[in-house]
Amino acid sequence: MRLGRQTLGGTGCRATDNSLLKEIANNGVAIIHLQPVEKQGFRDATREVYNCWSERIGHELVKKAEMAINRR
């Protein structure tokens, strides 16, 4: 199993179908799909760590990373 930019065309782990997730699951990995309220709970729970690292590496870098992720 190859997981990387070549396999996914440089788009990270965003595929237009579920074939990659099925392949990962077939290798014994549990795939968890969060509901929007669960995603927000995760964001809330990790906000302090997020803010700490944002201060450490710089808000501008974090903002650029967020924008790149949102473009996927």
Protein backbone atom coordinates (compact mmCIF):
# COMPACT_ATOMS: atom_id res chain seq x y z
CA MET A 1 0.00 0.00 0.00
CA ARG A 2 1.43 3.35 -0.99
CA LEU A 3 0.20 6.43 0.81
CA GLY A 4 1.81 9.60 -0.33
CA ARG A 5 1.72 12.44 -2.76
CA GLN A 6 2.22 10.23 -5.79
CA THR A 7 -0.68 7.97 -4.84
CA LEU A 8 -3.02 10.87 -4.15
CA GLY A 9 -1.87 13.30 -6.80
CA GLY A 10 -0.44 15.73 -4.24
CA THR A 11 -3.76 16.44 -2.56
CA GLY A 12 -3.12 14.90 0.85
CA CYS A 13 -5.66 12.40 2.13
CA ARG A 14 -8.60 13.87 0.28
CA ALA A 15 -9.88 11.49 -2.36
CA THR A 16 -13.01 11.95 -4.47
CA ASP A 17 -14.16 8.48 -3.48
CA ASN A 18 -13.72 6.21 -0.46
CA SER A 19 -11.23 3.81 -2.08
CA LEU A 20 -8.29 5.06 0.00
CA LEU A 21 -10.27 4.81 3.24
CA LYS A 22 -11.38 1.29 2.31
CA GLU A 23 -7.78 0.29 1.64
CA ILE A 24 -6.67 1.71 4.98
CA ALA A 25 -9.53 -0.06 6.80
CA ASN A 26 -8.65 -3.33 5.06
CA ASN A 27 -5.23 -3.04 6.71
CA GLY A 28 -6.79 -3.09 10.18
CA VAL A 29 -7.16 0.63 10.87
CA ALA A 30 -10.44 1.84 12.38
CA ILE A 31 -11.82 4.81 10.45
CA ILE A 32 -13.80 7.21 12.63
CA HIS A 33 -16.14 9.72 10.99
CA LEU A 34 -16.99 12.61 13.30
CA GLN A 35 -20.24 14.51 13.23
CA PRO A 36 -19.99 18.34 13.10
CA VAL A 37 -20.74 18.66 16.83
CA GLU A 38 -17.97 16.14 17.58
CA LYS A 39 -15.52 18.04 15.39
CA GLN A 40 -16.34 21.23 17.26
CA GLY A 41 -15.83 19.45 20.57
CA PHE A 42 -12.38 18.35 19.38
CA ARG A 43 -11.55 21.91 18.33
CA ASP A 44 -12.70 23.24 21.69
CA ALA A 45 -10.71 20.62 23.61
CA THR A 46 -7.50 21.33 21.68
CA ARG A 47 -7.82 25.12 21.48
CA GLU A 48 -5.26 25.73 24.25
CA VAL A 49 -2.63 23.60 22.49
CA TYR A 50 -3.48 25.24 19.15
CA ASN A 51 -3.05 28.71 20.65
CA CYS A 52 0.25 27.74 22.31
CA TRP A 53 1.74 26.47 19.05
CA SER A 54 0.36 29.39 17.12
CA GLU A 55 2.24 31.71 19.47
CA ARG A 56 5.37 29.60 19.17
CA ILE A 57 5.57 29.25 15.37
CA GLY A 58 3.75 32.43 14.43
CA HIS A 59 0.17 33.30 13.61
CA GLU A 60 0.98 34.00 9.96
CA LEU A 61 2.36 30.50 9.39
CA VAL A 62 -0.68 28.96 11.06
CA LYS A 63 -2.97 31.09 8.92
CA LYS A 64 -1.16 30.00 5.73
CA ALA A 65 -1.44 26.34 6.77
CA GLU A 66 -5.16 26.71 7.47
CA MET A 67 -5.69 28.34 4.08
CA ALA A 68 -3.80 25.52 2.32
CA ILE A 69 -5.88 22.91 4.11
CA ASN A 70 -9.13 24.69 3.26
CA ARG A 71 -8.18 24.77 -0.45
CA ARG A 72 -8.14 20.97 -0.63
